[in-house]
Amino acid sequence: MGGMDCNTSTLTVIRDNCGQVFGAFCPTTLRISMSYYGTGHTFLFSFSPQLQVYEWKFSNSFFVKGSPDYLAFGGGGGLFGLWLDDGLIRGQSQRCDTFDNDVLSSSDDFLINDLEVWAIS
């Protein structure tokens, strides 16, 4: 098996320390980048208690950013819809302009109990 294809979509699913399940879909491969990437087909979701999907609101194009220090989905005004630290131990979720989402996790700051990233080609 080689590396992931550039056209591989990714589904990131997280269960936080309070049992809340949420995540993000990205129609492109996750990667380290100096700027945001992705398309308007990126979205956030949460199960609280039923599925809630937060799609692009056309306010900006801050879909995904993968830096050496963090991975973020959605942004605007210094807030991220979903932010994960470089160790994938803790994260944050805030309402962001990209998706106009509710907080996905049980609180703004959370610890990651389980994390899965699925590659979909």
N, C-alpha and C. Protein backbone atom coordinates (compact mmCIF):
# COMPACT_ATOMS: atom_id res chain seq x y z
N MET A 1 0.84 -1.19 0.00
CA MET A 1 0.00 0.00 0.00
C MET A 1 0.87 1.24 0.00
N GLY A 2 0.53 2.19 -0.83
CA GLY A 2 1.26 3.44 -0.89
C GLY A 2 0.60 4.49 -0.03
N GLY A 3 0.99 5.75 -0.21
CA GLY A 3 0.38 6.87 0.50
C GLY A 3 -1.03 7.12 0.02
N MET A 4 -1.73 7.97 0.74
CA MET A 4 -3.11 8.27 0.36
C MET A 4 -3.15 9.10 -0.92
N ASP A 5 -4.10 8.81 -1.75
CA ASP A 5 -4.34 9.54 -2.99
C ASP A 5 -4.78 10.96 -2.67
N CYS A 6 -4.42 11.92 -3.51
CA CYS A 6 -4.83 13.31 -3.30
C CYS A 6 -6.33 13.50 -3.33
N ASN A 7 -7.05 12.56 -3.93
CA ASN A 7 -8.51 12.66 -4.02
C ASN A 7 -9.21 11.87 -2.91
N THR A 8 -8.48 11.47 -1.89
CA THR A 8 -9.05 10.71 -0.80
C THR A 8 -9.75 11.65 0.18
N SER A 9 -11.02 11.38 0.46
CA SER A 9 -11.75 12.13 1.47
C SER A 9 -11.44 11.53 2.84
N THR A 10 -11.61 12.33 3.89
CA THR A 10 -11.36 11.84 5.24
C THR A 10 -12.54 12.15 6.15
N LEU A 11 -12.83 11.21 7.02
CA LEU A 11 -13.86 11.37 8.04
C LEU A 11 -13.17 11.22 9.39
N THR A 12 -13.17 12.29 10.17
CA THR A 12 -12.55 12.30 11.49
C THR A 12 -13.66 12.21 12.53
N VAL A 13 -13.59 11.20 13.40
CA VAL A 13 -14.61 10.98 14.43
C VAL A 13 -13.93 10.97 15.79
N ILE A 14 -14.49 11.73 16.73
CA ILE A 14 -13.92 11.89 18.07
C ILE A 14 -14.97 11.55 19.12
N ARG A 15 -14.54 10.90 20.19
CA ARG A 15 -15.36 10.76 21.39
C ARG A 15 -14.60 11.45 22.50
N ASP A 16 -15.22 12.46 23.11
CA ASP A 16 -14.53 13.23 24.15
C ASP A 16 -14.64 12.54 25.51
N ASN A 17 -14.05 13.17 26.51
CA ASN A 17 -14.00 12.61 27.85
C ASN A 17 -15.36 12.54 28.53
N CYS A 18 -16.39 13.17 27.97
CA CYS A 18 -17.75 13.08 28.51
C CYS A 18 -18.64 12.18 27.66
N GLY A 19 -18.06 11.51 26.67
CA GLY A 19 -18.82 10.57 25.85
C GLY A 19 -19.50 11.17 24.63
N GLN A 20 -19.33 12.46 24.40
CA GLN A 20 -19.92 13.11 23.23
C GLN A 20 -19.17 12.68 21.97
N VAL A 21 -19.90 12.39 20.88
CA VAL A 21 -19.30 11.96 19.61
C VAL A 21 -19.53 13.04 18.56
N PHE A 22 -18.48 13.41 17.85
CA PHE A 22 -18.54 14.50 16.87
C PHE A 22 -17.35 14.39 15.94
N GLY A 23 -17.31 15.25 14.93
CA GLY A 23 -16.17 15.23 14.03
C GLY A 23 -16.34 16.08 12.80
N ALA A 24 -15.58 15.71 11.77
CA ALA A 24 -15.54 16.50 10.54
C ALA A 24 -15.34 15.60 9.34
N PHE A 25 -15.94 16.00 8.23
CA PHE A 25 -15.71 15.36 6.94
C PHE A 25 -14.95 16.35 6.07
N CYS A 26 -13.92 15.88 5.41
CA CYS A 26 -13.13 16.71 4.50
C CYS A 26 -13.00 15.95 3.18
N PRO A 27 -13.37 16.57 2.06
CA PRO A 27 -13.31 15.88 0.77
C PRO A 27 -11.90 15.79 0.19
N THR A 28 -10.89 16.19 0.94
CA THR A 28 -9.51 16.09 0.49
C THR A 28 -8.68 15.43 1.60
N THR A 29 -7.50 14.99 1.24
CA THR A 29 -6.59 14.36 2.20
C THR A 29 -6.11 15.38 3.23
N LEU A 30 -6.08 14.98 4.50
CA LEU A 30 -5.54 15.85 5.55
C LEU A 30 -4.03 15.95 5.36
N ARG A 31 -3.49 17.17 5.53
CA ARG A 31 -2.06 17.38 5.34
C ARG A 31 -1.62 18.63 6.09
N ILE A 32 -0.32 18.77 6.26
CA ILE A 32 0.25 19.99 6.84
C ILE A 32 0.22 21.06 5.77
N SER A 33 -0.20 22.27 6.16
CA SER A 33 -0.35 23.36 5.19
C SER A 33 -0.08 24.69 5.86
N MET A 34 0.38 25.65 5.10
CA MET A 34 0.60 27.00 5.61
C MET A 34 -0.69 27.81 5.61
N SER A 35 -1.66 27.37 4.83
CA SER A 35 -2.93 28.09 4.74
C SER A 35 -4.07 27.07 4.75
N TYR A 36 -5.28 27.58 4.80
CA TYR A 36 -6.46 26.72 4.77
C TYR A 36 -6.61 26.07 3.40
N TYR A 37 -7.18 24.89 3.37
CA TYR A 37 -7.47 24.19 2.13
C TYR A 37 -8.81 23.48 2.28
N GLY A 38 -9.24 22.79 1.23
CA GLY A 38 -10.51 22.08 1.26
C GLY A 38 -11.53 22.76 0.37
N THR A 39 -12.76 22.26 0.42
CA THR A 39 -13.83 22.79 -0.42
C THR A 39 -15.09 22.98 0.41
N GLY A 40 -16.09 23.54 -0.21
CA GLY A 40 -17.38 23.76 0.44
C GLY A 40 -18.13 22.48 0.76
N HIS A 41 -17.56 21.33 0.38
CA HIS A 41 -18.16 20.04 0.74
C HIS A 41 -17.68 19.56 2.11
N THR A 42 -16.79 20.33 2.75
CA THR A 42 -16.35 20.03 4.11
C THR A 42 -17.50 20.35 5.06
N PHE A 43 -17.67 19.54 6.11
CA PHE A 43 -18.69 19.83 7.11
C PHE A 43 -18.31 19.27 8.47
N LEU A 44 -18.95 19.81 9.50
CA LEU A 44 -18.80 19.31 10.86
C LEU A 44 -20.07 18.57 11.24
N PHE A 45 -19.97 17.68 12.23
CA PHE A 45 -21.17 16.98 12.71
C PHE A 45 -21.03 16.66 14.20
N SER A 46 -22.17 16.42 14.80
CA SER A 46 -22.23 16.05 16.22
C SER A 46 -23.45 15.16 16.43
N PHE A 47 -23.32 14.23 17.37
CA PHE A 47 -24.46 13.40 17.80
C PHE A 47 -24.83 13.87 19.19
N SER A 48 -25.88 14.69 19.29
CA SER A 48 -26.18 15.30 20.59
C SER A 48 -27.66 15.63 20.74
N PRO A 49 -28.56 14.71 21.03
CA PRO A 49 -28.35 13.25 21.00
C PRO A 49 -28.55 12.68 19.60
N GLN A 50 -29.13 13.45 18.67
CA GLN A 50 -29.26 12.95 17.30
C GLN A 50 -28.26 13.70 16.40
N LEU A 51 -28.10 13.19 15.20
CA LEU A 51 -27.12 13.76 14.27
C LEU A 51 -27.47 15.21 13.91
N GLN A 52 -26.48 16.08 14.07
CA GLN A 52 -26.55 17.47 13.62
C GLN A 52 -25.40 17.67 12.64
N VAL A 53 -25.69 18.20 11.46
CA VAL A 53 -24.67 18.45 10.44
C VAL A 53 -24.57 19.96 10.21
N TYR A 54 -23.35 20.46 10.19
CA TYR A 54 -23.10 21.90 10.00
C TYR A 54 -22.32 22.07 8.70
N GLU A 55 -23.02 22.56 7.69
CA GLU A 55 -22.43 22.74 6.36
C GLU A 55 -21.88 24.15 6.20
N TRP A 56 -21.12 24.35 5.14
CA TRP A 56 -20.50 25.63 4.81
C TRP A 56 -21.56 26.71 4.66
N LYS A 57 -21.30 27.87 5.28
CA LYS A 57 -22.23 29.00 5.24
C LYS A 57 -21.79 30.10 4.27
N PHE A 58 -20.78 29.87 3.46
CA PHE A 58 -20.30 30.80 2.41
C PHE A 58 -19.71 32.10 2.97
N SER A 59 -19.42 32.16 4.27
CA SER A 59 -18.88 33.40 4.84
C SER A 59 -17.36 33.50 4.66
N ASN A 60 -16.67 32.37 4.57
CA ASN A 60 -15.24 32.34 4.32
C ASN A 60 -14.88 30.96 3.77
N SER A 61 -13.62 30.76 3.47
CA SER A 61 -13.16 29.47 2.94
C SER A 61 -12.15 28.83 3.89
N PHE A 62 -12.38 28.97 5.18
CA PHE A 62 -11.47 28.42 6.19
C PHE A 62 -11.90 27.00 6.54
N PHE A 63 -11.71 26.07 5.61
CA PHE A 63 -12.21 24.71 5.78
C PHE A 63 -11.33 23.86 6.69
N VAL A 64 -10.07 23.67 6.32
CA VAL A 64 -9.16 22.82 7.08
C VAL A 64 -7.77 23.44 7.08
N LYS A 65 -7.11 23.37 8.23
CA LYS A 65 -5.71 23.79 8.29
C LYS A 65 -4.96 22.80 9.17
N GLY A 66 -3.92 22.22 8.62
CA GLY A 66 -3.09 21.29 9.36
C GLY A 66 -1.70 21.87 9.53
N SER A 67 -1.41 22.36 10.71
CA SER A 67 -0.07 22.88 10.98
C SER A 67 0.70 21.83 11.78
N PRO A 68 2.00 21.99 11.98
CA PRO A 68 2.73 21.04 12.83
C PRO A 68 2.23 21.04 14.28
N ASP A 69 1.52 22.10 14.68
CA ASP A 69 1.07 22.24 16.07
C ASP A 69 -0.38 21.89 16.30
N TYR A 70 -1.20 21.84 15.26
CA TYR A 70 -2.63 21.57 15.44
C TYR A 70 -3.29 21.20 14.11
N LEU A 71 -4.51 20.69 14.23
CA LEU A 71 -5.38 20.43 13.09
C LEU A 71 -6.68 21.16 13.37
N ALA A 72 -7.14 21.99 12.44
CA ALA A 72 -8.36 22.78 12.66
C ALA A 72 -9.32 22.64 11.49
N PHE A 73 -10.60 22.58 11.84
CA PHE A 73 -11.68 22.55 10.85
C PHE A 73 -12.55 23.77 11.10
N GLY A 74 -12.72 24.62 10.08
CA GLY A 74 -13.54 25.82 10.23
C GLY A 74 -12.79 26.90 11.00
N GLY A 75 -13.11 28.15 10.70
CA GLY A 75 -12.42 29.24 11.39
C GLY A 75 -13.09 30.57 11.15
N GLY A 76 -12.45 31.58 11.70
CA GLY A 76 -12.92 32.95 11.57
C GLY A 76 -12.87 33.65 12.91
N GLY A 77 -12.25 34.82 12.94
CA GLY A 77 -12.18 35.60 14.17
C GLY A 77 -11.39 34.93 15.27
N GLY A 78 -10.44 34.07 14.91
CA GLY A 78 -9.63 33.38 15.91
C GLY A 78 -10.34 32.20 16.57
N LEU A 79 -11.52 31.83 16.07
CA LEU A 79 -12.27 30.70 16.61
C LEU A 79 -12.28 29.56 15.61
N PHE A 80 -12.28 28.34 16.11
CA PHE A 80 -12.29 27.16 15.25
C PHE A 80 -13.51 26.31 15.57
N GLY A 81 -14.14 25.77 14.52
CA GLY A 81 -15.25 24.85 14.74
C GLY A 81 -14.78 23.61 15.47
N LEU A 82 -13.60 23.13 15.08
CA LEU A 82 -12.99 21.97 15.73
C LEU A 82 -11.48 22.13 15.64
N TRP A 83 -10.81 22.11 16.78
CA TRP A 83 -9.35 22.27 16.86
C TRP A 83 -8.79 21.13 17.69
N LEU A 84 -7.74 20.47 17.18
CA LEU A 84 -7.08 19.37 17.88
C LEU A 84 -5.61 19.68 18.04
N ASP A 85 -5.07 19.42 19.23
CA ASP A 85 -3.65 19.71 19.46
C ASP A 85 -2.76 18.69 18.75
N ASP A 86 -1.47 18.99 18.70
CA ASP A 86 -0.53 18.16 17.95
C ASP A 86 -0.37 16.76 18.51
N GLY A 87 -0.68 16.56 19.78
CA GLY A 87 -0.60 15.23 20.38
C GLY A 87 -1.90 14.45 20.30
N LEU A 88 -2.94 15.09 19.74
CA LEU A 88 -4.29 14.50 19.65
C LEU A 88 -4.78 14.04 21.02
N ILE A 89 -4.50 14.88 22.03
CA ILE A 89 -4.91 14.60 23.41
C ILE A 89 -6.06 15.51 23.83
N ARG A 90 -5.99 16.76 23.40
CA ARG A 90 -7.05 17.70 23.78
C ARG A 90 -7.50 18.49 22.57
N GLY A 91 -8.66 19.13 22.72
CA GLY A 91 -9.20 19.91 21.62
C GLY A 91 -10.12 20.99 22.11
N GLN A 92 -10.63 21.74 21.17
CA GLN A 92 -11.60 22.81 21.43
C GLN A 92 -12.63 22.82 20.32
N SER A 93 -13.83 23.26 20.67
CA SER A 93 -14.86 23.47 19.66
C SER A 93 -15.57 24.77 20.01
N GLN A 94 -15.69 25.63 19.02
CA GLN A 94 -16.34 26.93 19.19
C GLN A 94 -17.19 27.20 17.95
N ARG A 95 -18.16 28.08 18.09
CA ARG A 95 -18.93 28.50 16.92
C ARG A 95 -17.97 29.25 16.00
N CYS A 96 -17.96 28.88 14.71
CA CYS A 96 -17.08 29.55 13.76
C CYS A 96 -17.88 30.05 12.57
N ASP A 97 -17.33 31.04 11.89
CA ASP A 97 -18.00 31.65 10.74
C ASP A 97 -18.19 30.67 9.58
N THR A 98 -17.23 29.77 9.39
CA THR A 98 -17.28 28.86 8.25
C THR A 98 -18.55 28.01 8.25
N PHE A 99 -18.91 27.47 9.43
CA PHE A 99 -20.03 26.53 9.51
C PHE A 99 -21.18 27.01 10.40
N ASP A 100 -21.00 28.12 11.12
CA ASP A 100 -22.01 28.63 12.06
C ASP A 100 -22.55 27.48 12.92
N ASN A 101 -21.64 26.69 13.43
CA ASN A 101 -21.96 25.49 14.19
C ASN A 101 -22.18 25.77 15.68
N ASP A 102 -22.89 24.89 16.33
CA ASP A 102 -22.94 24.87 17.78
C ASP A 102 -21.63 24.24 18.25
N VAL A 103 -21.31 24.38 19.55
CA VAL A 103 -20.15 23.69 20.11
C VAL A 103 -20.40 22.19 19.94
N LEU A 104 -19.46 21.48 19.35
CA LEU A 104 -19.64 20.07 19.02
C LEU A 104 -19.47 19.16 20.23
N SER A 105 -18.56 19.53 21.10
CA SER A 105 -18.18 18.70 22.24
C SER A 105 -19.03 19.02 23.46
N SER A 106 -18.75 18.31 24.55
CA SER A 106 -19.51 18.52 25.77
C SER A 106 -19.21 19.87 26.41
N SER A 107 -18.05 20.46 26.10
CA SER A 107 -17.69 21.83 26.53
C SER A 107 -16.70 22.38 25.51
N ASP A 108 -16.43 23.69 25.59
CA ASP A 108 -15.52 24.32 24.63
C ASP A 108 -14.16 23.62 24.58
N ASP A 109 -13.62 23.27 25.74
CA ASP A 109 -12.35 22.56 25.85
C ASP A 109 -12.65 21.11 26.24
N PHE A 110 -11.98 20.17 25.61
CA PHE A 110 -12.25 18.77 25.92
C PHE A 110 -10.99 17.93 25.79
N LEU A 111 -11.04 16.76 26.39
CA LEU A 111 -10.00 15.75 26.23
C LEU A 111 -10.50 14.70 25.25
N ILE A 112 -9.61 14.21 24.42
CA ILE A 112 -9.98 13.20 23.42
C ILE A 112 -9.82 11.82 24.04
N ASN A 113 -10.92 11.07 24.14
CA ASN A 113 -10.85 9.68 24.60
C ASN A 113 -10.56 8.75 23.43
N ASP A 114 -11.25 8.92 22.32
CA ASP A 114 -11.06 8.09 21.14
C ASP A 114 -11.06 8.98 19.91
N LEU A 115 -10.23 8.63 18.94
CA LEU A 115 -10.17 9.37 17.68
C LEU A 115 -9.94 8.39 16.55
N GLU A 116 -10.76 8.46 15.52
CA GLU A 116 -10.56 7.65 14.32
C GLU A 116 -10.60 8.58 13.11
N VAL A 117 -9.73 8.30 12.15
CA VAL A 117 -9.75 9.00 10.87
C VAL A 117 -9.89 7.94 9.80
N TRP A 118 -10.96 8.05 9.04
CA TRP A 118 -11.26 7.10 7.97
C TRP A 118 -10.92 7.75 6.63
N ALA A 119 -10.22 7.02 5.78
CA ALA A 119 -9.93 7.47 4.42
C ALA A 119 -10.98 6.85 3.49
N ILE A 120 -11.60 7.69 2.70
CA ILE A 120 -12.66 7.25 1.80
C ILE A 120 -12.26 7.64 0.38
N SER A 121 -12.06 6.65 -0.46
CA SER A 121 -11.66 7.01 -1.83
C SER A 121 -12.70 6.63 -2.84
